């Protein structure tokens, strides 16, 4: 789907609901070999955004929970505020009165698309609040603006799967073109978030600026193989294709015990394992729920042996996108 041109503006008169609460899920970006072009959504964890109609013009963030006081409450500096503000500006309703609550239900700086979940939940919620002036696919550019304020660039590999659900390929940014990829019915994801911190800027800065042609060819083959495996529900092909010869060898040094944890996942039956986004979270894909749970237990034990605590999440791939919960 091409998302370069949002749907037409709605005009000056809108009918607002009184309030809405929306959940948007965590996402895994890169998916081993798909650096900056692949991502998928999971059922949990995620963020919740509550919007309420207000008689006072403008956006106000009235509450932020789960962030340990780390996130700004000024709308122009907060991902959800920026996303909603861009939406309202586009439809010519800058002065609408809306109160915002943001409830962070996942760790910040986890590599799980925390800012993307907030942005998507906010944009989806305001569209619903105003009677759906836009189709869901046309909300993507607004959510991407939240990513710009969070990390300096309006990338889509987290916000697109959070908005659309499932696996998403970002084919192009100019023009913006994203493609949903079918997901095998029994594919499960295990995510483990170790209690360590990896700064996104550090994970970016250590990447090589140039790569050998032979590495690029291997990577292209693996990306094509992974997408083909998803289309054909070929679990073996998915597993064989989850190999990264460009990014993982560099970023893995930022995660203590990375190779031991990855090996524990593979020994427990995972199809493949890699770094979620820029880390420190790791993810693994499995072809059934029982295996995914066993994989999580073994990965957690591996971190425990290094005296590193962790949180484990197991879920199907989320194909639905944001969810209205009240």
C-alpha atoms as a PDB file:
ATOM      1  CA  UNK A   1       0.000   0.000   0.000  1.00  0.00           C
ATOM      2  CA  UNK A   2       1.260   3.452  -0.886  1.00  0.00           C
ATOM      3  CA  UNK A   3       0.870   5.865   2.032  1.00  0.00           C
ATOM      4  CA  UNK A   4       2.433   9.011   0.646  1.00  0.00           C
ATOM      5  CA  UNK A   5      -0.825  10.947   0.304  1.00  0.00           C
ATOM      6  CA  UNK A   6      -3.258  10.895   3.252  1.00  0.00           C
ATOM      7  CA  UNK A   7      -7.000  10.962   2.691  1.00  0.00           C
ATOM      8  CA  UNK A   8      -8.675  14.350   2.175  1.00  0.00           C
ATOM      9  CA  UNK A   9      -9.217  16.645   5.146  1.00  0.00           C
ATOM     10  CA  UNK A  10     -12.606  16.494   6.823  1.00  0.00           C
ATOM     11  CA  UNK A  11     -13.572  20.184   6.956  1.00  0.00           C
ATOM     12  CA  UNK A  12     -14.106  22.437   9.949  1.00  0.00           C
ATOM     13  CA  UNK A  13     -17.039  20.762  11.710  1.00  0.00           C
ATOM     14  CA  UNK A  14     -16.463  17.489  13.519  1.00  0.00           C
ATOM     15  CA  UNK A  15     -18.587  15.409  15.869  1.00  0.00           C
ATOM     16  CA  UNK A  16     -16.485  14.062  18.717  1.00  0.00           C
ATOM     17  CA  UNK A  17     -17.065  11.119  21.000  1.00  0.00           C
ATOM     18  CA  UNK A  18     -16.606  11.888  24.681  1.00  0.00           C
ATOM     19  CA  UNK A  19     -13.659   9.521  25.207  1.00  0.00           C
ATOM     20  CA  UNK A  20     -11.830   6.484  23.882  1.00  0.00           C
ATOM     21  CA  UNK A  21      -9.125   4.082  25.113  1.00  0.00           C
ATOM     22  CA  UNK A  22      -6.846   2.323  22.618  1.00  0.00           C
ATOM     23  CA  UNK A  23      -4.143  -0.341  22.960  1.00  0.00           C
ATOM     24  CA  UNK A  24      -1.270  -0.591  20.463  1.00  0.00           C
ATOM     25  CA  UNK A  25       1.228  -3.395  20.636  1.00  0.00           C
ATOM     26  CA  UNK A  26       4.967  -3.757  20.801  1.00  0.00           C
ATOM     27  CA  UNK A  27       6.802  -4.520  17.598  1.00  0.00           C
ATOM     28  CA  UNK A  28       9.967  -6.291  16.529  1.00  0.00           C
ATOM     29  CA  UNK A  29      11.951  -4.407  13.884  1.00  0.00           C
ATOM     30  CA  UNK A  30      14.728  -5.635  11.596  1.00  0.00           C
ATOM     31  CA  UNK A  31      13.709  -9.327  12.080  1.00  0.00           C
ATOM     32  CA  UNK A  32      17.344 -10.455  11.909  1.00  0.00           C
ATOM     33  CA  UNK A  33      18.198  -9.980   8.222  1.00  0.00           C
ATOM     34  CA  UNK A  34      15.687  -7.208   7.404  1.00  0.00           C
ATOM     35  CA  UNK A  35      17.521  -4.202   8.861  1.00  0.00           C
ATOM     36  CA  UNK A  36      15.312  -1.093   8.658  1.00  0.00           C
ATOM     37  CA  UNK A  37      12.843  -2.732   6.214  1.00  0.00           C
ATOM     38  CA  UNK A  38      11.050  -5.512   8.144  1.00  0.00           C
ATOM     39  CA  UNK A  39       8.950  -5.511  11.292  1.00  0.00           C
ATOM     40  CA  UNK A  40       6.084  -7.361  12.928  1.00  0.00           C
ATOM     41  CA  UNK A  41       3.609  -6.822  15.751  1.00  0.00           C
ATOM     42  CA  UNK A  42       2.966  -9.010  18.800  1.00  0.00           C
ATOM     43  CA  UNK A  43      -0.029  -9.339  21.121  1.00  0.00           C
ATOM     44  CA  UNK A  44       1.822  -8.134  24.201  1.00  0.00           C
ATOM     45  CA  UNK A  45       3.290  -6.033  25.676  1.00  0.00           C
ATOM     46  CA  UNK A  46       1.985  -2.669  24.429  1.00  0.00           C
ATOM     47  CA  UNK A  47       0.850   0.846  25.353  1.00  0.00           C
ATOM     48  CA  UNK A  48      -2.550   2.370  26.073  1.00  0.00           C
ATOM     49  CA  UNK A  49      -3.727   5.873  25.206  1.00  0.00           C
ATOM     50  CA  UNK A  50      -6.897   7.479  26.570  1.00  0.00           C
ATOM     51  CA  UNK A  51      -8.368  10.554  24.858  1.00  0.00           C
ATOM     52  CA  UNK A  52     -11.122  12.708  26.333  1.00  0.00           C
ATOM     53  CA  UNK A  53     -13.040  15.593  24.836  1.00  0.00           C
ATOM     54  CA  UNK A  54     -12.322  18.899  26.578  1.00  0.00           C
ATOM     55  CA  UNK A  55     -13.994  22.308  26.482  1.00  0.00           C
ATOM     56  CA  UNK A  56     -10.573  23.964  26.701  1.00  0.00           C
ATOM     57  CA  UNK A  57      -8.910  24.350  23.256  1.00  0.00           C
ATOM     58  CA  UNK A  58      -5.678  22.519  22.549  1.00  0.00           C
ATOM     59  CA  UNK A  59      -3.942  19.293  23.559  1.00  0.00           C
ATOM     60  CA  UNK A  60      -3.088  18.578  27.183  1.00  0.00           C
ATOM     61  CA  UNK A  61      -1.293  15.481  28.476  1.00  0.00           C
ATOM     62  CA  UNK A  62      -2.913  14.985  31.866  1.00  0.00           C
ATOM     63  CA  UNK A  63      -1.218  11.746  32.913  1.00  0.00           C
ATOM     64  CA  UNK A  64       1.694   9.502  31.972  1.00  0.00           C
ATOM     65  CA  UNK A  65       2.186   6.216  33.844  1.00  0.00           C
ATOM     66  CA  UNK A  66       4.756   3.439  33.635  1.00  0.00           C
ATOM     67  CA  UNK A  67       7.611   5.686  32.523  1.00  0.00           C
ATOM     68  CA  UNK A  68       9.220   6.398  35.920  1.00  0.00           C
ATOM     69  CA  UNK A  69       8.907  10.109  35.158  1.00  0.00           C
ATOM     70  CA  UNK A  70      11.186   9.937  32.120  1.00  0.00           C
ATOM     71  CA  UNK A  71       8.810  11.142  29.405  1.00  0.00           C
ATOM     72  CA  UNK A  72       7.951  14.807  28.775  1.00  0.00           C
ATOM     73  CA  UNK A  73       4.345  15.873  29.291  1.00  0.00           C
ATOM     74  CA  UNK A  74       4.489  18.800  26.869  1.00  0.00           C
ATOM     75  CA  UNK A  75       2.507  17.649  23.787  1.00  0.00           C
ATOM     76  CA  UNK A  76       5.074  19.133  21.395  1.00  0.00           C
ATOM     77  CA  UNK A  77       7.830  16.986  22.958  1.00  0.00           C
ATOM     78  CA  UNK A  78       5.915  13.740  23.472  1.00  0.00           C
ATOM     79  CA  UNK A  79       5.463  11.176  20.685  1.00  0.00           C
ATOM     80  CA  UNK A  80       1.726  10.781  21.211  1.00  0.00           C
ATOM     81  CA  UNK A  81       1.207  14.544  21.407  1.00  0.00           C
ATOM     82  CA  UNK A  82       3.199  15.197  18.226  1.00  0.00           C
ATOM     83  CA  UNK A  83       1.347  12.495  16.290  1.00  0.00           C
ATOM     84  CA  UNK A  84      -2.088  13.754  17.323  1.00  0.00           C
ATOM     85  CA  UNK A  85      -1.087  17.376  16.725  1.00  0.00           C
ATOM     86  CA  UNK A  86       0.007  16.580  13.151  1.00  0.00           C
ATOM     87  CA  UNK A  87      -3.285  14.785  12.552  1.00  0.00           C
ATOM     88  CA  UNK A  88      -5.370  17.722  13.825  1.00  0.00           C
ATOM     89  CA  UNK A  89      -3.326  20.257  11.877  1.00  0.00           C
ATOM     90  CA  UNK A  90      -3.888  18.311   8.681  1.00  0.00           C
ATOM     91  CA  UNK A  91      -7.674  18.390   9.073  1.00  0.00           C
ATOM     92  CA  UNK A  92      -7.676  22.029  10.144  1.00  0.00           C
ATOM     93  CA  UNK A  93      -8.754  21.366  13.728  1.00  0.00           C
ATOM     94  CA  UNK A  94      -5.727  22.610  15.684  1.00  0.00           C
ATOM     95  CA  UNK A  95      -7.883  24.122  18.424  1.00  0.00           C
ATOM     96  CA  UNK A  96      -9.940  21.090  19.344  1.00  0.00           C
ATOM     97  CA  UNK A  97      -9.811  20.418  23.077  1.00  0.00           C
ATOM     98  CA  UNK A  98      -8.430  16.950  23.848  1.00  0.00           C
ATOM     99  CA  UNK A  99      -6.986  15.544  27.069  1.00  0.00           C
ATOM    100  CA  UNK A 100      -4.472  12.718  26.715  1.00  0.00           C
ATOM    101  CA  UNK A 101      -3.472   9.937  29.099  1.00  0.00           C
ATOM    102  CA  UNK A 102      -0.519   7.730  28.158  1.00  0.00           C
ATOM    103  CA  UNK A 103      -0.017   4.419  29.944  1.00  0.00           C
ATOM    104  CA  UNK A 104       3.310   2.769  29.154  1.00  0.00           C
ATOM    105  CA  UNK A 105       2.892  -0.987  29.456  1.00  0.00           C
ATOM    106  CA  UNK A 106       6.347  -1.935  28.230  1.00  0.00           C
ATOM    107  CA  UNK A 107       9.906  -0.982  29.154  1.00  0.00           C
ATOM    108  CA  UNK A 108      11.305   2.194  27.614  1.00  0.00           C
ATOM    109  CA  UNK A 109      14.418   1.770  25.492  1.00  0.00           C
ATOM    110  CA  UNK A 110      13.670  -1.940  25.142  1.00  0.00           C
ATOM    111  CA  UNK A 111      13.996  -2.325  21.376  1.00  0.00           C
ATOM    112  CA  UNK A 112      10.267  -3.161  21.241  1.00  0.00           C
ATOM    113  CA  UNK A 113       8.979  -0.029  19.519  1.00  0.00           C
ATOM    114  CA  UNK A 114       7.737   1.725  22.648  1.00  0.00           C
ATOM    115  CA  UNK A 115       7.516   5.156  21.005  1.00  0.00           C
ATOM    116  CA  UNK A 116       5.840   3.630  17.952  1.00  0.00           C
ATOM    117  CA  UNK A 117       3.149   1.987  20.076  1.00  0.00           C
ATOM    118  CA  UNK A 118       2.355   5.311  21.749  1.00  0.00           C
ATOM    119  CA  UNK A 119       2.228   7.168  18.432  1.00  0.00           C
ATOM    120  CA  UNK A 120       0.035   4.575  16.761  1.00  0.00           C
ATOM    121  CA  UNK A 121      -2.347   4.338  19.711  1.00  0.00           C
ATOM    122  CA  UNK A 122      -2.696   8.132  19.753  1.00  0.00           C
ATOM    123  CA  UNK A 123      -3.322   8.575  16.037  1.00  0.00           C
ATOM    124  CA  UNK A 124      -5.707   5.627  15.850  1.00  0.00           C
ATOM    125  CA  UNK A 125      -7.580   6.933  18.906  1.00  0.00           C
ATOM    126  CA  UNK A 126      -7.993  10.494  17.625  1.00  0.00           C
ATOM    127  CA  UNK A 127      -9.204   9.197  14.254  1.00  0.00           C
ATOM    128  CA  UNK A 128     -11.824   7.131  16.068  1.00  0.00           C
ATOM    129  CA  UNK A 129     -12.715   9.997  18.385  1.00  0.00           C
ATOM    130  CA  UNK A 130     -13.509  12.198  15.378  1.00  0.00           C
ATOM    131  CA  UNK A 131     -15.547   9.606  13.484  1.00  0.00           C
ATOM    132  CA  UNK A 132     -12.838   8.067  11.255  1.00  0.00           C
ATOM    133  CA  UNK A 133     -12.095  10.850   8.765  1.00  0.00           C
ATOM    134  CA  UNK A 134      -9.150   8.762   7.525  1.00  0.00           C
ATOM    135  CA  UNK A 135      -8.779   5.170   6.437  1.00  0.00           C
ATOM    136  CA  UNK A 136      -6.451   3.248   8.717  1.00  0.00           C
ATOM    137  CA  UNK A 137      -3.685   2.975   6.126  1.00  0.00           C
ATOM    138  CA  UNK A 138      -3.635   6.768   5.751  1.00  0.00           C
ATOM    139  CA  UNK A 139      -2.710   7.245   9.415  1.00  0.00           C
ATOM    140  CA  UNK A 140       0.854   6.036   8.908  1.00  0.00           C
ATOM    141  CA  UNK A 141       2.521   9.396   8.074  1.00  0.00           C
ATOM    142  CA  UNK A 142       1.092  10.960  11.257  1.00  0.00           C
ATOM    143  CA  UNK A 143       2.391   8.121  13.435  1.00  0.00           C
ATOM    144  CA  UNK A 144       5.795   8.408  11.759  1.00  0.00           C
ATOM    145  CA  UNK A 145       6.053  12.016  12.960  1.00  0.00           C
ATOM    146  CA  UNK A 146       5.968  10.689  16.521  1.00  0.00           C
ATOM    147  CA  UNK A 147       8.990   8.558  15.662  1.00  0.00           C
ATOM    148  CA  UNK A 148      10.777  11.625  14.354  1.00  0.00           C
ATOM    149  CA  UNK A 149      10.502  13.370  17.730  1.00  0.00           C
ATOM    150  CA  UNK A 150      11.495  10.173  19.574  1.00  0.00           C
ATOM    151  CA  UNK A 151      14.610   9.213  17.649  1.00  0.00           C
ATOM    152  CA  UNK A 152      15.325  11.862  15.037  1.00  0.00           C
ATOM    153  CA  UNK A 153      13.984  10.128  11.927  1.00  0.00           C
ATOM    154  CA  UNK A 154      10.483   9.281  10.742  1.00  0.00           C
ATOM    155  CA  UNK A 155      11.101   5.599  10.120  1.00  0.00           C
ATOM    156  CA  UNK A 156       8.263   3.113   9.637  1.00  0.00           C
ATOM    157  CA  UNK A 157       9.583  -0.335  10.544  1.00  0.00           C
ATOM    158  CA  UNK A 158       7.927  -0.158  14.001  1.00  0.00           C
ATOM    159  CA  UNK A 159       4.922   2.110  13.404  1.00  0.00           C
ATOM    160  CA  UNK A 160       3.752   0.283  10.266  1.00  0.00           C
ATOM    161  CA  UNK A 161       3.361  -3.149  11.912  1.00  0.00           C
ATOM    162  CA  UNK A 162       1.918  -1.542  15.057  1.00  0.00           C
ATOM    163  CA  UNK A 163      -0.707   0.186  12.886  1.00  0.00           C
ATOM    164  CA  UNK A 164      -1.473  -2.573  10.388  1.00  0.00           C
ATOM    165  CA  UNK A 165      -0.611  -5.690  12.387  1.00  0.00           C
ATOM    166  CA  UNK A 166       1.316  -8.690  11.112  1.00  0.00           C
ATOM    167  CA  UNK A 167       4.599  -8.603   9.198  1.00  0.00           C
ATOM    168  CA  UNK A 168       5.295  -5.466   7.196  1.00  0.00           C
ATOM    169  CA  UNK A 169       7.935  -4.731   4.562  1.00  0.00           C
ATOM    170  CA  UNK A 170       8.929  -1.086   4.106  1.00  0.00           C
ATOM    171  CA  UNK A 171       9.711  -1.247   0.396  1.00  0.00           C
ATOM    172  CA  UNK A 172      10.391   2.462  -0.045  1.00  0.00           C
ATOM    173  CA  UNK A 173      10.290   5.804   1.763  1.00  0.00           C
ATOM    174  CA  UNK A 174      10.228   7.968  -1.360  1.00  0.00           C
ATOM    175  CA  UNK A 175       7.467   7.369  -2.156  1.00  0.00           C
ATOM    176  CA  UNK A 176       6.370   5.737   1.106  1.00  0.00           C
ATOM    177  CA  UNK A 177       5.358   2.188   0.195  1.00  0.00           C
ATOM    178  CA  UNK A 178       4.713  -0.561   2.743  1.00  0.00           C
ATOM    179  CA  UNK A 179       3.603  -4.131   2.066  1.00  0.00           C
ATOM    180  CA  UNK A 180       1.846  -6.508   4.458  1.00  0.00           C
ATOM    181  CA  UNK A 181       3.271 -10.028   4.445  1.00  0.00           C
ATOM    182  CA  UNK A 182       1.123 -13.097   5.242  1.00  0.00           C
ATOM    183  CA  UNK A 183       1.856 -14.837   8.541  1.00  0.00           C
ATOM    184  CA  UNK A 184       1.702 -18.613   9.113  1.00  0.00           C
ATOM    185  CA  UNK A 185      -1.207 -19.419  11.426  1.00  0.00           C
ATOM    186  CA  UNK A 186       0.812 -21.146  14.143  1.00  0.00           C
ATOM    187  CA  UNK A 187       3.826 -18.844  14.192  1.00  0.00           C
ATOM    188  CA  UNK A 188       4.611 -17.696  17.750  1.00  0.00           C
ATOM    189  CA  UNK A 189       7.071 -15.148  19.066  1.00  0.00           C
ATOM    190  CA  UNK A 190       9.084 -15.194  22.272  1.00  0.00           C
ATOM    191  CA  UNK A 191      10.485 -11.888  23.474  1.00  0.00           C
ATOM    192  CA  UNK A 192      12.923 -11.534  26.337  1.00  0.00           C
ATOM    193  CA  UNK A 193      13.857  -8.153  27.761  1.00  0.00           C
ATOM    194  CA  UNK A 194      17.030  -8.348  29.894  1.00  0.00           C
ATOM    195  CA  UNK A 195      17.521  -5.764  32.610  1.00  0.00           C
ATOM    196  CA  UNK A 196      20.301  -3.969  30.800  1.00  0.00           C
ATOM    197  CA  UNK A 197      20.242  -0.793  28.723  1.00  0.00           C
ATOM    198  CA  UNK A 198      21.370  -0.223  25.147  1.00  0.00           C
ATOM    199  CA  UNK A 199      21.208   3.309  23.779  1.00  0.00           C
ATOM    200  CA  UNK A 200      19.779   3.444  20.248  1.00  0.00           C
ATOM    201  CA  UNK A 201      22.367   6.049  19.255  1.00  0.00           C
ATOM    202  CA  UNK A 202      25.148   3.695  20.390  1.00  0.00           C
ATOM    203  CA  UNK A 203      23.625   0.776  18.490  1.00  0.00           C
ATOM    204  CA  UNK A 204      23.470   2.981  15.375  1.00  0.00           C
ATOM    205  CA  UNK A 205      26.884   4.560  15.711  1.00  0.00           C
ATOM    206  CA  UNK A 206      28.801   1.268  15.738  1.00  0.00           C
ATOM    207  CA  UNK A 207      27.339   0.007  12.456  1.00  0.00           C
ATOM    208  CA  UNK A 208      29.604  -0.189   9.462  1.00  0.00           C
ATOM    209  CA  UNK A 209      29.084   2.518   6.830  1.00  0.00           C
ATOM    210  CA  UNK A 210      30.186   0.224   4.014  1.00  0.00           C
ATOM    211  CA  UNK A 211      29.830  -3.553   3.626  1.00  0.00           C
ATOM    212  CA  UNK A 212      31.443  -6.086   1.255  1.00  0.00           C
ATOM    213  CA  UNK A 213      29.384  -7.081  -1.770  1.00  0.00           C
ATOM    214  CA  UNK A 214      29.528 -10.744  -0.698  1.00  0.00           C
ATOM    215  CA  UNK A 215      27.840  -9.872   2.614  1.00  0.00           C
ATOM    216  CA  UNK A 216      25.168  -7.848   0.837  1.00  0.00           C
ATOM    217  CA  UNK A 217      24.399 -10.778  -1.460  1.00  0.00           C
ATOM    218  CA  UNK A 218      24.028 -13.145   1.513  1.00  0.00           C
ATOM    219  CA  UNK A 219      21.740 -10.657   3.244  1.00  0.00           C
ATOM    220  CA  UNK A 220      19.540 -10.139   0.161  1.00  0.00           C
ATOM    221  CA  UNK A 221      19.138 -13.885  -0.162  1.00  0.00           C
ATOM    222  CA  UNK A 222      18.107 -14.230   3.472  1.00  0.00           C
ATOM    223  CA  UNK A 223      15.554 -11.404   3.275  1.00  0.00           C
ATOM    224  CA  UNK A 224      14.032 -12.947   0.154  1.00  0.00           C
ATOM    225  CA  UNK A 225      14.059 -16.373   1.798  1.00  0.00           C
ATOM    226  CA  UNK A 226      12.370 -15.089   4.960  1.00  0.00           C
ATOM    227  CA  UNK A 227       9.584 -13.367   3.031  1.00  0.00           C
ATOM    228  CA  UNK A 228       9.127 -16.429   0.818  1.00  0.00           C
ATOM    229  CA  UNK A 229       8.946 -18.653   3.903  1.00  0.00           C
ATOM    230  CA  UNK A 230       6.240 -16.447   5.411  1.00  0.00           C
ATOM    231  CA  UNK A 231       4.210 -16.504   2.197  1.00  0.00           C
ATOM    232  CA  UNK A 232       4.484 -20.292   1.889  1.00  0.00           C
ATOM    233  CA  UNK A 233       4.182 -21.076   5.632  1.00  0.00           C
ATOM    234  CA  UNK A 234       7.490 -22.905   5.227  1.00  0.00           C
ATOM    235  CA  UNK A 235       8.874 -22.920   8.773  1.00  0.00           C
ATOM    236  CA  UNK A 236      12.165 -24.527   7.793  1.00  0.00           C
ATOM    237  CA  UNK A 237      12.792 -21.835   5.187  1.00  0.00           C
ATOM    238  CA  UNK A 238      11.925 -19.143   7.737  1.00  0.00           C
ATOM    239  CA  UNK A 239      14.466 -20.619  10.130  1.00  0.00           C
ATOM    240  CA  UNK A 240      17.211 -21.005   7.497  1.00  0.00           C
ATOM    241  CA  UNK A 241      16.707 -17.389   6.434  1.00  0.00           C
ATOM    242  CA  UNK A 242      16.981 -15.858   9.915  1.00  0.00           C
ATOM    243  CA  UNK A 243      20.692 -15.171   9.495  1.00  0.00           C
ATOM    244  CA  UNK A 244      22.317 -11.726   9.666  1.00  0.00           C
ATOM    245  CA  UNK A 245      25.877 -11.187   8.463  1.00  0.00           C
ATOM    246  CA  UNK A 246      25.823  -7.379   8.625  1.00  0.00           C
ATOM    247  CA  UNK A 247      24.208  -5.949  11.774  1.00  0.00           C
ATOM    248  CA  UNK A 248      24.082  -8.747  14.368  1.00  0.00           C
ATOM    249  CA  UNK A 249      27.863  -9.399  14.427  1.00  0.00           C
ATOM    250  CA  UNK A 250      28.374  -5.766  15.466  1.00  0.00           C
ATOM    251  CA  UNK A 251      25.399  -5.082  17.737  1.00  0.00           C
ATOM    252  CA  UNK A 252      25.643  -8.368  19.621  1.00  0.00           C
ATOM    253  CA  UNK A 253      28.685  -7.065  21.501  1.00  0.00           C
ATOM    254  CA  UNK A 254      26.382  -4.604  23.318  1.00  0.00           C
ATOM    255  CA  UNK A 255      24.328  -7.441  24.861  1.00  0.00           C
ATOM    256  CA  UNK A 256      26.136  -9.536  27.508  1.00  0.00           C
ATOM    257  CA  UNK A 257      25.911 -13.249  26.784  1.00  0.00           C
ATOM    258  CA  UNK A 258      24.082 -12.704  23.502  1.00  0.00           C
ATOM    259  CA  UNK A 259      25.430 -15.782  21.749  1.00  0.00           C
ATOM    260  CA  UNK A 260      24.765 -18.037  24.749  1.00  0.00           C
ATOM    261  CA  UNK A 261      21.160 -16.817  25.002  1.00  0.00           C
ATOM    262  CA  UNK A 262      20.619 -17.225  21.277  1.00  0.00           C
ATOM    263  CA  UNK A 263      22.027 -20.739  21.341  1.00  0.00           C
ATOM    264  CA  UNK A 264      19.729 -21.632  24.248  1.00  0.00           C
ATOM    265  CA  UNK A 265      16.744 -20.517  22.152  1.00  0.00           C
ATOM    266  CA  UNK A 266      17.813 -22.610  19.166  1.00  0.00           C
ATOM    267  CA  UNK A 267      18.486 -25.656  21.359  1.00  0.00           C
ATOM    268  CA  UNK A 268      14.965 -25.297  22.779  1.00  0.00           C
ATOM    269  CA  UNK A 269      13.499 -25.539  19.286  1.00  0.00           C
ATOM    270  CA  UNK A 270      13.253 -21.942  18.035  1.00  0.00           C
ATOM    271  CA  UNK A 271      13.266 -21.470  14.276  1.00  0.00           C
ATOM    272  CA  UNK A 272      15.597 -18.519  14.704  1.00  0.00           C
ATOM    273  CA  UNK A 273      16.580 -15.809  17.145  1.00  0.00           C
ATOM    274  CA  UNK A 274      17.864 -12.258  16.918  1.00  0.00           C
ATOM    275  CA  UNK A 275      17.974  -8.761  18.355  1.00  0.00           C
ATOM    276  CA  UNK A 276      14.693  -6.857  18.480  1.00  0.00           C
ATOM    277  CA  UNK A 277      15.269  -3.423  16.989  1.00  0.00           C
ATOM    278  CA  UNK A 278      18.459  -1.997  18.437  1.00  0.00           C
ATOM    279  CA  UNK A 279      18.139  -4.150  21.579  1.00  0.00           C
ATOM    280  CA  UNK A 280      18.609  -5.088  24.316  1.00  0.00           C
ATOM    281  CA  UNK A 281      15.486  -7.269  23.861  1.00  0.00           C
ATOM    282  CA  UNK A 282      15.886 -10.488  21.922  1.00  0.00           C
ATOM    283  CA  UNK A 283      13.173 -12.357  20.052  1.00  0.00           C
ATOM    284  CA  UNK A 284      12.729 -15.865  18.746  1.00  0.00           C
ATOM    285  CA  UNK A 285      10.165 -17.387  16.377  1.00  0.00           C
ATOM    286  CA  UNK A 286       8.688 -20.857  16.914  1.00  0.00           C
ATOM    287  CA  UNK A 287       6.106 -22.964  15.113  1.00  0.00           C
ATOM    288  CA  UNK A 288       3.866 -23.574  18.137  1.00  0.00           C
ATOM    289  CA  UNK A 289       3.046 -22.060  21.518  1.00  0.00           C
ATOM    290  CA  UNK A 290       4.563 -24.807  23.668  1.00  0.00           C
ATOM    291  CA  UNK A 291       7.909 -24.463  21.934  1.00  0.00           C
ATOM    292  CA  UNK A 292       7.755 -20.672  22.269  1.00  0.00           C
ATOM    293  CA  UNK A 293       7.200 -20.996  26.029  1.00  0.00           C
ATOM    294  CA  UNK A 294      10.091 -23.461  26.389  1.00  0.00           C
ATOM    295  CA  UNK A 295      12.299 -21.113  24.391  1.00  0.00           C
ATOM    296  CA  UNK A 296      11.463 -18.274  26.784  1.00  0.00           C
ATOM    297  CA  UNK A 297      12.282 -20.405  29.824  1.00  0.00           C
ATOM    298  CA  UNK A 298      15.667 -21.410  28.416  1.00  0.00           C
ATOM    299  CA  UNK A 299      16.575 -17.869  27.363  1.00  0.00           C
ATOM    300  CA  UNK A 300      15.662 -16.620  30.839  1.00  0.00           C
ATOM    301  CA  UNK A 301      17.834 -19.319  32.444  1.00  0.00           C
ATOM    302  CA  UNK A 302      20.741 -18.301  30.227  1.00  0.00           C
ATOM    303  CA  UNK A 303      20.497 -14.710  31.430  1.00  0.00           C
ATOM    304  CA  UNK A 304      20.089 -15.903  35.043  1.00  0.00           C
ATOM    305  CA  UNK A 305      23.399 -17.757  34.772  1.00  0.00           C
ATOM    306  CA  UNK A 306      24.953 -14.356  34.065  1.00  0.00           C
ATOM    307  CA  UNK A 307      23.008 -12.840  36.987  1.00  0.00           C
ATOM    308  CA  UNK A 308      20.880 -10.733  34.632  1.00  0.00           C
ATOM    309  CA  UNK A 309      17.160 -10.508  35.348  1.00  0.00           C
ATOM    310  CA  UNK A 310      14.683 -10.512  32.493  1.00  0.00           C
ATOM    311  CA  UNK A 311      11.030 -10.341  31.460  1.00  0.00           C
ATOM    312  CA  UNK A 312       9.570 -12.843  28.996  1.00  0.00           C
ATOM    313  CA  UNK A 313       6.560 -12.399  26.702  1.00  0.00           C
ATOM    314  CA  UNK A 314       5.074 -15.122  24.503  1.00  0.00           C
ATOM    315  CA  UNK A 315       2.368 -14.434  21.933  1.00  0.00           C
ATOM    316  CA  UNK A 316       1.088 -15.040  18.439  1.00  0.00           C
ATOM    317  CA  UNK A 317       1.881 -12.503  15.763  1.00  0.00           C
ATOM    318  CA  UNK A 318      -0.671  -9.702  16.137  1.00  0.00           C
ATOM    319  CA  UNK A 319      -2.562  -9.383  12.851  1.00  0.00           C
ATOM    320  CA  UNK A 320      -5.199  -6.921  14.059  1.00  0.00           C
ATOM    321  CA  UNK A 321      -3.308  -3.714  14.809  1.00  0.00           C
ATOM    322  CA  UNK A 322      -4.628  -1.275  17.453  1.00  0.00           C
ATOM    323  CA  UNK A 323      -7.517  -2.355  19.668  1.00  0.00           C
ATOM    324  CA  UNK A 324     -10.296  -0.220  21.170  1.00  0.00           C
ATOM    325  CA  UNK A 325     -10.726  -1.322  24.779  1.00  0.00           C
ATOM    326  CA  UNK A 326     -13.388   1.147  25.876  1.00  0.00           C
END
